Amino acid sequence: MKKIDITPFEGVYKIYHKKFGDERGFFSELFKTDELKNLGFECVAQQNISLSNKGVIRGLHLQLEPYEQSKIITVLSGSIFDIALDLRKNSTTYLRVFSVEIDMDSDFSLLVPKGFAHGFQALEDETVVLYSVDKIYAPDFESGINVFSKEIEIKFPLEEKILSKKDENLPKLADFLAKYEKS
């Protein structure tokens, strides 16, 4: 069993890679399905990859029920400031933000469970991120929250902030909660 770090956010884990290196470079085993199942991640249904330049912010994104996704975030090159906002109403970390810097040399992937909005800021040019998700993308169930919602107060490491028009127009947290939160 590889090393797993439990974070203060229930269900958010750092999954460390087994890495074998020599003068040629390295080989790394990212994960095994049986280990992921033990952490509540049933299967990899889809993999996505993004390339971002320094300052690019992607998110905060999520899929709504019944297409909620757990994600495994792996940085293949460059580095990110990763952000996960807990939207699980019964959680002790409800509406709190988990953040961590991840780069290719970090030797871990981050598992973010269902019930979180996720995003990141690229800290270097040509940052490549691999997302493994447990449900396929369903465009009619796509949603998100504006990273600049005052209730969240994310302190990005870089002053340069580049967002897509789509992400700039995501609803503020209060508007999202008013529309989607269940009582």
N, C-alpha and C. Protein backbone atom coordinates (compact mmCIF):
# COMPACT_ATOMS: atom_id res chain seq x y z
N MET A 1 0.85 -1.18 0.00
CA MET A 1 0.00 0.00 0.00
C MET A 1 0.89 1.24 0.00
N LYS A 2 0.55 2.17 -0.85
CA LYS A 2 1.34 3.40 -0.90
C LYS A 2 0.90 4.34 0.20
N LYS A 3 1.69 5.38 0.41
CA LYS A 3 1.40 6.35 1.47
C LYS A 3 0.21 7.22 1.08
N ILE A 4 -0.71 7.37 2.01
CA ILE A 4 -1.89 8.22 1.86
C ILE A 4 -1.89 9.21 3.02
N ASP A 5 -1.96 10.50 2.72
CA ASP A 5 -2.08 11.51 3.77
C ASP A 5 -3.54 11.92 3.89
N ILE A 6 -4.05 11.86 5.10
CA ILE A 6 -5.39 12.33 5.39
C ILE A 6 -5.30 13.82 5.67
N THR A 7 -6.19 14.60 5.09
CA THR A 7 -6.20 16.04 5.31
C THR A 7 -7.29 16.38 6.34
N PRO A 8 -7.35 17.62 6.79
CA PRO A 8 -8.43 18.02 7.72
C PRO A 8 -9.82 18.00 7.08
N PHE A 9 -9.89 17.81 5.76
CA PHE A 9 -11.17 17.76 5.04
C PHE A 9 -11.51 16.31 4.75
N GLU A 10 -12.59 15.83 5.35
CA GLU A 10 -12.97 14.43 5.18
C GLU A 10 -13.10 14.06 3.70
N GLY A 11 -12.39 12.99 3.31
CA GLY A 11 -12.46 12.50 1.95
C GLY A 11 -11.44 13.10 1.00
N VAL A 12 -10.72 14.15 1.43
CA VAL A 12 -9.66 14.74 0.61
C VAL A 12 -8.35 14.09 1.05
N TYR A 13 -7.67 13.45 0.09
CA TYR A 13 -6.45 12.71 0.40
C TYR A 13 -5.31 13.10 -0.54
N LYS A 14 -4.11 13.08 -0.01
CA LYS A 14 -2.90 13.12 -0.84
C LYS A 14 -2.49 11.67 -1.05
N ILE A 15 -2.42 11.26 -2.31
CA ILE A 15 -2.04 9.89 -2.65
C ILE A 15 -0.63 9.95 -3.24
N TYR A 16 0.34 9.43 -2.49
CA TYR A 16 1.73 9.51 -2.93
C TYR A 16 2.04 8.45 -3.96
N HIS A 17 2.86 8.83 -4.94
CA HIS A 17 3.23 7.94 -6.04
C HIS A 17 4.46 7.14 -5.67
N LYS A 18 4.48 5.91 -6.13
CA LYS A 18 5.71 5.13 -6.06
C LYS A 18 6.54 5.58 -7.25
N LYS A 19 7.73 6.05 -6.98
CA LYS A 19 8.57 6.60 -8.04
C LYS A 19 9.91 5.87 -8.07
N PHE A 20 10.29 5.43 -9.26
CA PHE A 20 11.54 4.70 -9.44
C PHE A 20 12.39 5.49 -10.43
N GLY A 21 13.54 5.96 -9.99
CA GLY A 21 14.37 6.79 -10.85
C GLY A 21 15.79 6.27 -11.00
N ASP A 22 16.40 6.62 -12.10
CA ASP A 22 17.81 6.35 -12.34
C ASP A 22 18.33 7.40 -13.32
N GLU A 23 19.49 7.16 -13.91
CA GLU A 23 20.10 8.16 -14.81
C GLU A 23 19.25 8.44 -16.06
N ARG A 24 18.32 7.56 -16.39
CA ARG A 24 17.46 7.74 -17.57
C ARG A 24 16.27 8.66 -17.30
N GLY A 25 15.90 8.80 -16.04
CA GLY A 25 14.71 9.55 -15.67
C GLY A 25 13.98 8.82 -14.56
N PHE A 26 12.66 8.69 -14.68
CA PHE A 26 11.92 7.97 -13.65
C PHE A 26 10.69 7.28 -14.25
N PHE A 27 10.17 6.34 -13.49
CA PHE A 27 8.89 5.69 -13.75
C PHE A 27 8.08 5.87 -12.48
N SER A 28 6.80 6.21 -12.63
CA SER A 28 5.96 6.44 -11.45
C SER A 28 4.63 5.73 -11.60
N GLU A 29 4.26 5.02 -10.56
CA GLU A 29 2.96 4.36 -10.49
C GLU A 29 2.01 5.34 -9.81
N LEU A 30 0.99 5.83 -10.54
CA LEU A 30 0.10 6.85 -9.97
C LEU A 30 -0.88 6.25 -8.97
N PHE A 31 -1.61 5.20 -9.34
CA PHE A 31 -2.56 4.60 -8.42
C PHE A 31 -3.00 3.24 -8.92
N LYS A 32 -3.62 2.49 -8.02
CA LYS A 32 -4.23 1.20 -8.34
C LYS A 32 -5.70 1.29 -7.97
N THR A 33 -6.55 0.66 -8.77
CA THR A 33 -8.00 0.78 -8.54
C THR A 33 -8.42 0.25 -7.17
N ASP A 34 -7.79 -0.83 -6.69
CA ASP A 34 -8.20 -1.35 -5.37
C ASP A 34 -7.88 -0.35 -4.26
N GLU A 35 -6.77 0.37 -4.38
CA GLU A 35 -6.43 1.39 -3.39
C GLU A 35 -7.42 2.55 -3.45
N LEU A 36 -7.82 2.93 -4.65
CA LEU A 36 -8.79 4.02 -4.80
C LEU A 36 -10.15 3.63 -4.23
N LYS A 37 -10.57 2.39 -4.45
CA LYS A 37 -11.86 1.93 -3.91
C LYS A 37 -11.88 2.04 -2.39
N ASN A 38 -10.75 1.76 -1.76
CA ASN A 38 -10.66 1.88 -0.29
C ASN A 38 -10.84 3.32 0.17
N LEU A 39 -10.63 4.28 -0.74
CA LEU A 39 -10.78 5.70 -0.42
C LEU A 39 -12.12 6.26 -0.91
N GLY A 40 -12.98 5.39 -1.44
CA GLY A 40 -14.29 5.81 -1.89
C GLY A 40 -14.36 6.22 -3.35
N PHE A 41 -13.30 6.00 -4.09
CA PHE A 41 -13.26 6.34 -5.52
C PHE A 41 -13.43 5.04 -6.28
N GLU A 42 -14.62 4.83 -6.86
CA GLU A 42 -14.98 3.53 -7.44
C GLU A 42 -14.23 3.18 -8.72
N CYS A 43 -14.14 4.11 -9.67
CA CYS A 43 -13.50 3.79 -10.95
C CYS A 43 -13.13 5.08 -11.67
N VAL A 44 -12.23 4.94 -12.62
CA VAL A 44 -11.91 6.08 -13.50
C VAL A 44 -12.83 5.95 -14.71
N ALA A 45 -13.78 6.88 -14.81
CA ALA A 45 -14.74 6.86 -15.92
C ALA A 45 -14.28 7.74 -17.07
N GLN A 46 -13.43 8.72 -16.77
CA GLN A 46 -12.98 9.67 -17.80
C GLN A 46 -11.70 10.32 -17.30
N GLN A 47 -10.80 10.61 -18.24
CA GLN A 47 -9.59 11.37 -17.91
C GLN A 47 -9.55 12.61 -18.79
N ASN A 48 -9.13 13.72 -18.18
CA ASN A 48 -9.03 15.00 -18.88
C ASN A 48 -7.65 15.57 -18.61
N ILE A 49 -7.19 16.40 -19.54
CA ILE A 49 -5.89 17.03 -19.37
C ILE A 49 -6.03 18.50 -19.75
N SER A 50 -5.34 19.36 -19.01
CA SER A 50 -5.35 20.79 -19.35
C SER A 50 -3.92 21.31 -19.41
N LEU A 51 -3.72 22.28 -20.28
CA LEU A 51 -2.46 23.01 -20.40
C LEU A 51 -2.78 24.46 -20.06
N SER A 52 -2.06 25.03 -19.11
CA SER A 52 -2.33 26.40 -18.67
C SER A 52 -1.03 27.17 -18.54
N ASN A 53 -1.10 28.45 -18.83
CA ASN A 53 0.05 29.32 -18.63
C ASN A 53 -0.02 29.99 -17.26
N LYS A 54 1.08 30.56 -16.85
CA LYS A 54 1.21 31.19 -15.54
C LYS A 54 0.09 32.22 -15.32
N GLY A 55 -0.58 32.10 -14.17
CA GLY A 55 -1.64 33.02 -13.81
C GLY A 55 -3.04 32.56 -14.17
N VAL A 56 -3.16 31.56 -15.05
CA VAL A 56 -4.47 31.06 -15.45
C VAL A 56 -5.17 30.42 -14.25
N ILE A 57 -6.43 30.80 -14.06
CA ILE A 57 -7.27 30.20 -13.03
C ILE A 57 -8.36 29.41 -13.74
N ARG A 58 -8.52 28.16 -13.33
CA ARG A 58 -9.59 27.31 -13.85
C ARG A 58 -10.49 26.95 -12.66
N GLY A 59 -11.77 27.28 -12.76
CA GLY A 59 -12.69 26.92 -11.69
C GLY A 59 -13.33 28.14 -11.07
N LEU A 60 -14.06 27.84 -10.09
CA LEU A 60 -14.33 26.61 -9.36
C LEU A 60 -15.44 25.83 -10.09
N HIS A 61 -15.17 24.58 -10.44
CA HIS A 61 -16.10 23.78 -11.24
C HIS A 61 -16.62 22.59 -10.44
N LEU A 62 -17.83 22.17 -10.82
CA LEU A 62 -18.39 20.95 -10.26
C LEU A 62 -19.52 20.46 -11.16
N GLN A 63 -19.84 19.19 -10.98
CA GLN A 63 -20.99 18.58 -11.64
C GLN A 63 -22.06 18.38 -10.57
N LEU A 64 -23.31 18.63 -10.93
CA LEU A 64 -24.42 18.48 -9.99
C LEU A 64 -24.95 17.05 -10.02
N GLU A 65 -25.71 16.68 -8.98
CA GLU A 65 -26.33 15.36 -8.91
C GLU A 65 -27.21 15.14 -10.14
N PRO A 66 -27.29 13.97 -10.66
CA PRO A 66 -26.65 12.72 -10.23
C PRO A 66 -25.30 12.47 -10.90
N TYR A 67 -24.68 13.51 -11.44
CA TYR A 67 -23.40 13.36 -12.14
C TYR A 67 -22.23 13.95 -11.36
N GLU A 68 -22.36 14.04 -10.04
CA GLU A 68 -21.27 14.55 -9.21
C GLU A 68 -20.01 13.72 -9.47
N GLN A 69 -18.88 14.39 -9.46
CA GLN A 69 -17.62 13.71 -9.74
C GLN A 69 -16.65 13.83 -8.58
N SER A 70 -16.01 12.73 -8.26
CA SER A 70 -14.79 12.76 -7.47
C SER A 70 -13.66 12.91 -8.47
N LYS A 71 -12.60 13.61 -8.08
CA LYS A 71 -11.49 13.89 -9.00
C LYS A 71 -10.17 13.51 -8.36
N ILE A 72 -9.28 13.01 -9.19
CA ILE A 72 -7.88 12.83 -8.78
C ILE A 72 -7.07 13.79 -9.64
N ILE A 73 -6.40 14.72 -8.99
CA ILE A 73 -5.66 15.78 -9.66
C ILE A 73 -4.17 15.41 -9.62
N THR A 74 -3.55 15.33 -10.80
CA THR A 74 -2.13 15.00 -10.91
C THR A 74 -1.46 16.05 -11.79
N VAL A 75 -0.40 16.66 -11.30
CA VAL A 75 0.34 17.65 -12.08
C VAL A 75 1.46 16.93 -12.83
N LEU A 76 1.42 17.01 -14.16
CA LEU A 76 2.41 16.33 -15.00
C LEU A 76 3.61 17.20 -15.30
N SER A 77 3.40 18.52 -15.37
CA SER A 77 4.52 19.47 -15.50
C SER A 77 4.05 20.82 -14.98
N GLY A 78 5.00 21.63 -14.55
CA GLY A 78 4.67 22.92 -13.97
C GLY A 78 4.21 22.78 -12.54
N SER A 79 3.37 23.73 -12.09
CA SER A 79 2.88 23.71 -10.71
C SER A 79 1.57 24.48 -10.61
N ILE A 80 0.78 24.10 -9.59
CA ILE A 80 -0.51 24.74 -9.39
C ILE A 80 -0.72 25.06 -7.91
N PHE A 81 -1.60 26.02 -7.68
CA PHE A 81 -2.20 26.28 -6.38
C PHE A 81 -3.59 25.71 -6.50
N ASP A 82 -3.82 24.56 -5.87
CA ASP A 82 -5.06 23.82 -6.02
C ASP A 82 -6.05 24.24 -4.93
N ILE A 83 -7.33 24.31 -5.31
CA ILE A 83 -8.38 24.81 -4.43
C ILE A 83 -9.57 23.86 -4.48
N ALA A 84 -10.10 23.51 -3.31
CA ALA A 84 -11.32 22.70 -3.22
C ALA A 84 -12.23 23.31 -2.17
N LEU A 85 -13.44 23.69 -2.59
CA LEU A 85 -14.42 24.31 -1.69
C LEU A 85 -15.44 23.25 -1.29
N ASP A 86 -15.57 23.00 0.01
CA ASP A 86 -16.47 21.98 0.53
C ASP A 86 -17.91 22.50 0.50
N LEU A 87 -18.75 21.82 -0.29
CA LEU A 87 -20.17 22.18 -0.40
C LEU A 87 -21.08 21.13 0.24
N ARG A 88 -20.49 20.23 1.01
CA ARG A 88 -21.27 19.18 1.67
C ARG A 88 -21.89 19.75 2.95
N LYS A 89 -23.18 19.92 2.92
CA LYS A 89 -23.89 20.63 3.99
C LYS A 89 -23.65 20.03 5.38
N ASN A 90 -23.52 18.72 5.49
CA ASN A 90 -23.34 18.07 6.79
C ASN A 90 -21.88 17.90 7.19
N SER A 91 -20.98 18.51 6.46
CA SER A 91 -19.55 18.38 6.74
C SER A 91 -19.10 19.39 7.79
N THR A 92 -18.10 19.00 8.57
CA THR A 92 -17.53 19.93 9.56
C THR A 92 -16.71 21.03 8.88
N THR A 93 -16.39 20.84 7.60
CA THR A 93 -15.63 21.85 6.86
C THR A 93 -16.49 22.53 5.79
N TYR A 94 -17.79 22.49 5.97
CA TYR A 94 -18.75 23.09 5.03
C TYR A 94 -18.39 24.55 4.75
N LEU A 95 -18.29 24.89 3.46
CA LEU A 95 -17.97 26.23 2.94
C LEU A 95 -16.55 26.70 3.27
N ARG A 96 -15.70 25.77 3.69
CA ARG A 96 -14.28 26.10 3.88
C ARG A 96 -13.49 25.65 2.66
N VAL A 97 -12.36 26.30 2.45
CA VAL A 97 -11.51 26.03 1.29
C VAL A 97 -10.27 25.26 1.71
N PHE A 98 -10.03 24.15 1.02
CA PHE A 98 -8.77 23.42 1.16
C PHE A 98 -7.88 23.87 0.01
N SER A 99 -6.62 24.19 0.30
CA SER A 99 -5.70 24.57 -0.77
C SER A 99 -4.34 23.95 -0.51
N VAL A 100 -3.64 23.68 -1.61
CA VAL A 100 -2.31 23.08 -1.53
C VAL A 100 -1.59 23.37 -2.84
N GLU A 101 -0.28 23.58 -2.77
CA GLU A 101 0.52 23.68 -3.99
C GLU A 101 0.96 22.29 -4.40
N ILE A 102 0.85 22.02 -5.69
CA ILE A 102 1.25 20.72 -6.24
C ILE A 102 2.11 20.99 -7.47
N ASP A 103 3.21 20.26 -7.57
CA ASP A 103 4.02 20.31 -8.79
C ASP A 103 4.44 18.90 -9.15
N MET A 104 5.12 18.77 -10.26
CA MET A 104 5.50 17.46 -10.74
C MET A 104 6.38 16.72 -9.72
N ASP A 105 7.17 17.46 -8.95
CA ASP A 105 8.07 16.83 -7.99
C ASP A 105 7.41 16.57 -6.64
N SER A 106 6.14 16.94 -6.48
CA SER A 106 5.45 16.73 -5.20
C SER A 106 5.26 15.25 -4.89
N ASP A 107 5.25 14.42 -5.91
CA ASP A 107 5.08 12.97 -5.76
C ASP A 107 3.75 12.57 -5.16
N PHE A 108 2.72 13.41 -5.33
CA PHE A 108 1.39 12.99 -4.91
C PHE A 108 0.33 13.54 -5.85
N SER A 109 -0.78 12.84 -5.87
CA SER A 109 -1.99 13.32 -6.52
C SER A 109 -2.98 13.65 -5.42
N LEU A 110 -3.93 14.52 -5.73
CA LEU A 110 -4.91 14.93 -4.74
C LEU A 110 -6.26 14.33 -5.11
N LEU A 111 -6.88 13.61 -4.19
CA LEU A 111 -8.21 13.09 -4.40
C LEU A 111 -9.20 14.07 -3.76
N VAL A 112 -10.10 14.61 -4.59
CA VAL A 112 -11.14 15.53 -4.14
C VAL A 112 -12.48 14.82 -4.35
N PRO A 113 -13.22 14.54 -3.27
CA PRO A 113 -14.45 13.76 -3.42
C PRO A 113 -15.62 14.57 -3.95
N LYS A 114 -16.69 13.86 -4.26
CA LYS A 114 -17.95 14.50 -4.65
C LYS A 114 -18.33 15.51 -3.57
N GLY A 115 -19.02 16.57 -3.99
CA GLY A 115 -19.48 17.55 -3.01
C GLY A 115 -18.55 18.74 -2.86
N PHE A 116 -17.50 18.79 -3.67
CA PHE A 116 -16.56 19.92 -3.65
C PHE A 116 -16.60 20.62 -5.00
N ALA A 117 -16.44 21.94 -4.99
CA ALA A 117 -16.14 22.69 -6.20
C ALA A 117 -14.62 22.76 -6.26
N HIS A 118 -14.06 22.61 -7.45
CA HIS A 118 -12.61 22.50 -7.59
C HIS A 118 -12.07 23.49 -8.60
N GLY A 119 -10.86 23.95 -8.35
CA GLY A 119 -10.16 24.81 -9.30
C GLY A 119 -8.69 24.92 -8.96
N PHE A 120 -7.98 25.69 -9.76
CA PHE A 120 -6.56 25.92 -9.48
C PHE A 120 -6.07 27.16 -10.21
N GLN A 121 -4.92 27.65 -9.76
CA GLN A 121 -4.18 28.69 -10.47
C GLN A 121 -2.85 28.09 -10.89
N ALA A 122 -2.52 28.21 -12.18
CA ALA A 122 -1.23 27.73 -12.68
C ALA A 122 -0.14 28.70 -12.21
N LEU A 123 0.92 28.15 -11.65
CA LEU A 123 2.01 28.97 -11.11
C LEU A 123 3.18 29.10 -12.07
N GLU A 124 3.12 28.36 -13.18
CA GLU A 124 4.18 28.39 -14.19
C GLU A 124 3.56 28.28 -15.57
N ASP A 125 4.28 28.76 -16.58
CA ASP A 125 3.85 28.54 -17.96
C ASP A 125 3.90 27.05 -18.27
N GLU A 126 3.05 26.65 -19.19
CA GLU A 126 2.98 25.27 -19.67
C GLU A 126 2.77 24.25 -18.55
N THR A 127 1.88 24.58 -17.64
CA THR A 127 1.51 23.65 -16.58
C THR A 127 0.48 22.67 -17.13
N VAL A 128 0.76 21.38 -16.95
CA VAL A 128 -0.12 20.33 -17.46
C VAL A 128 -0.72 19.57 -16.27
N VAL A 129 -2.06 19.51 -16.24
CA VAL A 129 -2.77 18.84 -15.16
C VAL A 129 -3.63 17.72 -15.75
N LEU A 130 -3.55 16.55 -15.13
CA LEU A 130 -4.36 15.39 -15.49
C LEU A 130 -5.45 15.23 -14.44
N TYR A 131 -6.71 15.16 -14.89
CA TYR A 131 -7.85 14.94 -14.00
C TYR A 131 -8.41 13.56 -14.31
N SER A 132 -8.47 12.70 -13.31
CA SER A 132 -9.15 11.42 -13.45
C SER A 132 -10.44 11.55 -12.65
N VAL A 133 -11.58 11.29 -13.30
CA VAL A 133 -12.88 11.47 -12.63
C VAL A 133 -13.66 10.16 -12.65
N ASP A 134 -14.57 10.02 -11.69
CA ASP A 134 -15.30 8.76 -11.55
C ASP A 134 -16.66 8.74 -12.23
N LYS A 135 -17.05 9.85 -12.86
CA LYS A 135 -18.28 9.89 -13.67
C LYS A 135 -17.98 10.70 -14.93
N ILE A 136 -18.65 10.35 -16.00
CA ILE A 136 -18.43 11.08 -17.25
C ILE A 136 -19.02 12.49 -17.15
N TYR A 137 -18.47 13.38 -17.92
CA TYR A 137 -18.93 14.76 -17.98
C TYR A 137 -20.34 14.81 -18.57
N ALA A 138 -21.22 15.52 -17.89
CA ALA A 138 -22.60 15.69 -18.35
C ALA A 138 -22.86 17.20 -18.44
N PRO A 139 -22.81 17.77 -19.65
CA PRO A 139 -22.89 19.23 -19.80
C PRO A 139 -24.13 19.87 -19.17
N ASP A 140 -25.25 19.16 -19.13
CA ASP A 140 -26.47 19.73 -18.54
C ASP A 140 -26.39 19.81 -17.01
N PHE A 141 -25.40 19.17 -16.41
CA PHE A 141 -25.25 19.15 -14.96
C PHE A 141 -23.97 19.88 -14.51
N GLU A 142 -23.38 20.61 -15.44
CA GLU A 142 -22.17 21.38 -15.15
C GLU A 142 -22.55 22.65 -14.37
N SER A 143 -21.73 23.00 -13.39
CA SER A 143 -21.96 24.22 -12.65
C SER A 143 -20.62 24.74 -12.12
N GLY A 144 -20.69 25.82 -11.39
CA GLY A 144 -19.47 26.38 -10.83
C GLY A 144 -19.77 27.57 -9.94
N ILE A 145 -18.71 28.04 -9.30
CA ILE A 145 -18.79 29.18 -8.38
C ILE A 145 -17.64 30.12 -8.70
N ASN A 146 -17.92 31.39 -8.71
CA ASN A 146 -16.91 32.41 -9.01
C ASN A 146 -15.83 32.41 -7.93
N VAL A 147 -14.58 32.30 -8.35
CA VAL A 147 -13.46 32.25 -7.40
C VAL A 147 -13.30 33.56 -6.62
N PHE A 148 -13.90 34.63 -7.10
CA PHE A 148 -13.78 35.92 -6.43
C PHE A 148 -14.97 36.23 -5.52
N SER A 149 -15.76 35.22 -5.19
CA SER A 149 -16.85 35.41 -4.23
C SER A 149 -16.25 35.88 -2.91
N LYS A 150 -16.77 36.97 -2.37
CA LYS A 150 -16.17 37.53 -1.15
C LYS A 150 -16.27 36.58 0.04
N GLU A 151 -17.27 35.68 0.04
CA GLU A 151 -17.42 34.75 1.16
C GLU A 151 -16.31 33.70 1.20
N ILE A 152 -15.65 33.48 0.07
CA ILE A 152 -14.63 32.44 -0.01
C ILE A 152 -13.26 32.97 0.39
N GLU A 153 -12.92 34.16 -0.06
CA GLU A 153 -11.65 34.82 0.25
C GLU A 153 -10.43 33.95 -0.07
N ILE A 154 -10.32 33.52 -1.31
CA ILE A 154 -9.15 32.75 -1.74
C ILE A 154 -7.99 33.72 -1.93
N LYS A 155 -6.86 33.40 -1.32
CA LYS A 155 -5.65 34.22 -1.46
C LYS A 155 -4.72 33.53 -2.47
N PHE A 156 -4.85 33.95 -3.72
CA PHE A 156 -4.04 33.36 -4.77
C PHE A 156 -2.58 33.80 -4.63
N PRO A 157 -1.64 32.90 -4.89
CA PRO A 157 -0.22 33.25 -4.76
C PRO A 157 0.26 34.26 -5.80
N LEU A 158 -0.36 34.28 -6.99
CA LEU A 158 0.09 35.19 -8.04
C LEU A 158 -0.89 36.34 -8.21
N GLU A 159 -0.36 37.53 -8.44
CA GLU A 159 -1.22 38.68 -8.72
C GLU A 159 -1.91 38.54 -10.07
N GLU A 160 -1.18 38.00 -11.05
CA GLU A 160 -1.74 37.81 -12.39
C GLU A 160 -2.84 36.75 -12.33
N LYS A 161 -4.04 37.15 -12.77
CA LYS A 161 -5.18 36.24 -12.73
C LYS A 161 -5.88 36.27 -14.08
N ILE A 162 -5.80 35.14 -14.80
CA ILE A 162 -6.38 35.03 -16.14
C ILE A 162 -7.50 34.01 -16.07
N LEU A 163 -8.73 34.46 -16.37
CA LEU A 163 -9.88 33.57 -16.36
C LEU A 163 -10.56 33.57 -17.71
N SER A 164 -11.22 32.49 -18.02
CA SER A 164 -12.07 32.46 -19.22
C SER A 164 -13.31 33.31 -18.94
N LYS A 165 -13.97 33.74 -19.99
CA LYS A 165 -15.23 34.48 -19.83
C LYS A 165 -16.24 33.63 -19.06
N LYS A 166 -16.27 32.35 -19.37
CA LYS A 166 -17.19 31.43 -18.71
C LYS A 166 -16.96 31.43 -17.19
N ASP A 167 -15.70 31.34 -16.77
CA ASP A 167 -15.40 31.32 -15.34
C ASP A 167 -15.63 32.69 -14.69
N GLU A 168 -15.35 33.77 -15.42
CA GLU A 168 -15.63 35.12 -14.89
C GLU A 168 -17.12 35.30 -14.60
N ASN A 169 -17.97 34.63 -15.38
CA ASN A 169 -19.41 34.79 -15.25
C ASN A 169 -20.08 33.75 -14.36
N LEU A 170 -19.29 32.91 -13.70
CA LEU A 170 -19.90 31.96 -12.77
C LEU A 170 -20.56 32.71 -11.63
N PRO A 171 -21.62 32.15 -11.04
CA PRO A 171 -22.31 32.85 -9.95
C PRO A 171 -21.44 32.96 -8.69
N LYS A 172 -21.68 34.01 -7.93
CA LYS A 172 -21.04 34.14 -6.62
C LYS A 172 -21.57 33.02 -5.73
N LEU A 173 -20.85 32.72 -4.67
CA LEU A 173 -21.22 31.61 -3.79
C LEU A 173 -22.65 31.76 -3.26
N ALA A 174 -23.03 32.95 -2.80
CA ALA A 174 -24.37 33.15 -2.25
C ALA A 174 -25.45 32.86 -3.29
N ASP A 175 -25.23 33.27 -4.52
CA ASP A 175 -26.20 33.01 -5.58
C ASP A 175 -26.27 31.51 -5.91
N PHE A 176 -25.11 30.86 -5.93
CA PHE A 176 -25.07 29.41 -6.17
C PHE A 176 -25.86 28.68 -5.09
N LEU A 177 -25.60 29.02 -3.82
CA LEU A 177 -26.28 28.34 -2.71
C LEU A 177 -27.78 28.58 -2.76
N ALA A 178 -28.19 29.80 -3.07
CA ALA A 178 -29.62 30.10 -3.14
C ALA A 178 -30.31 29.27 -4.22
N LYS A 179 -29.60 28.99 -5.30
CA LYS A 179 -30.19 28.23 -6.40
C LYS A 179 -30.15 26.73 -6.19
N TYR A 180 -29.04 26.21 -5.66
CA TYR A 180 -28.83 24.76 -5.65
C TYR A 180 -28.86 24.08 -4.30
N GLU A 181 -28.68 24.82 -3.23
CA GLU A 181 -28.59 24.16 -1.93
C GLU A 181 -29.93 23.58 -1.52
N LYS A 182 -29.85 22.38 -1.03
CA LYS A 182 -31.06 21.69 -0.57
C LYS A 182 -31.19 21.89 0.93
N SER A 183 -32.40 21.99 1.39
CA SER A 183 -32.59 22.17 2.84
C SER A 183 -32.59 20.86 3.56
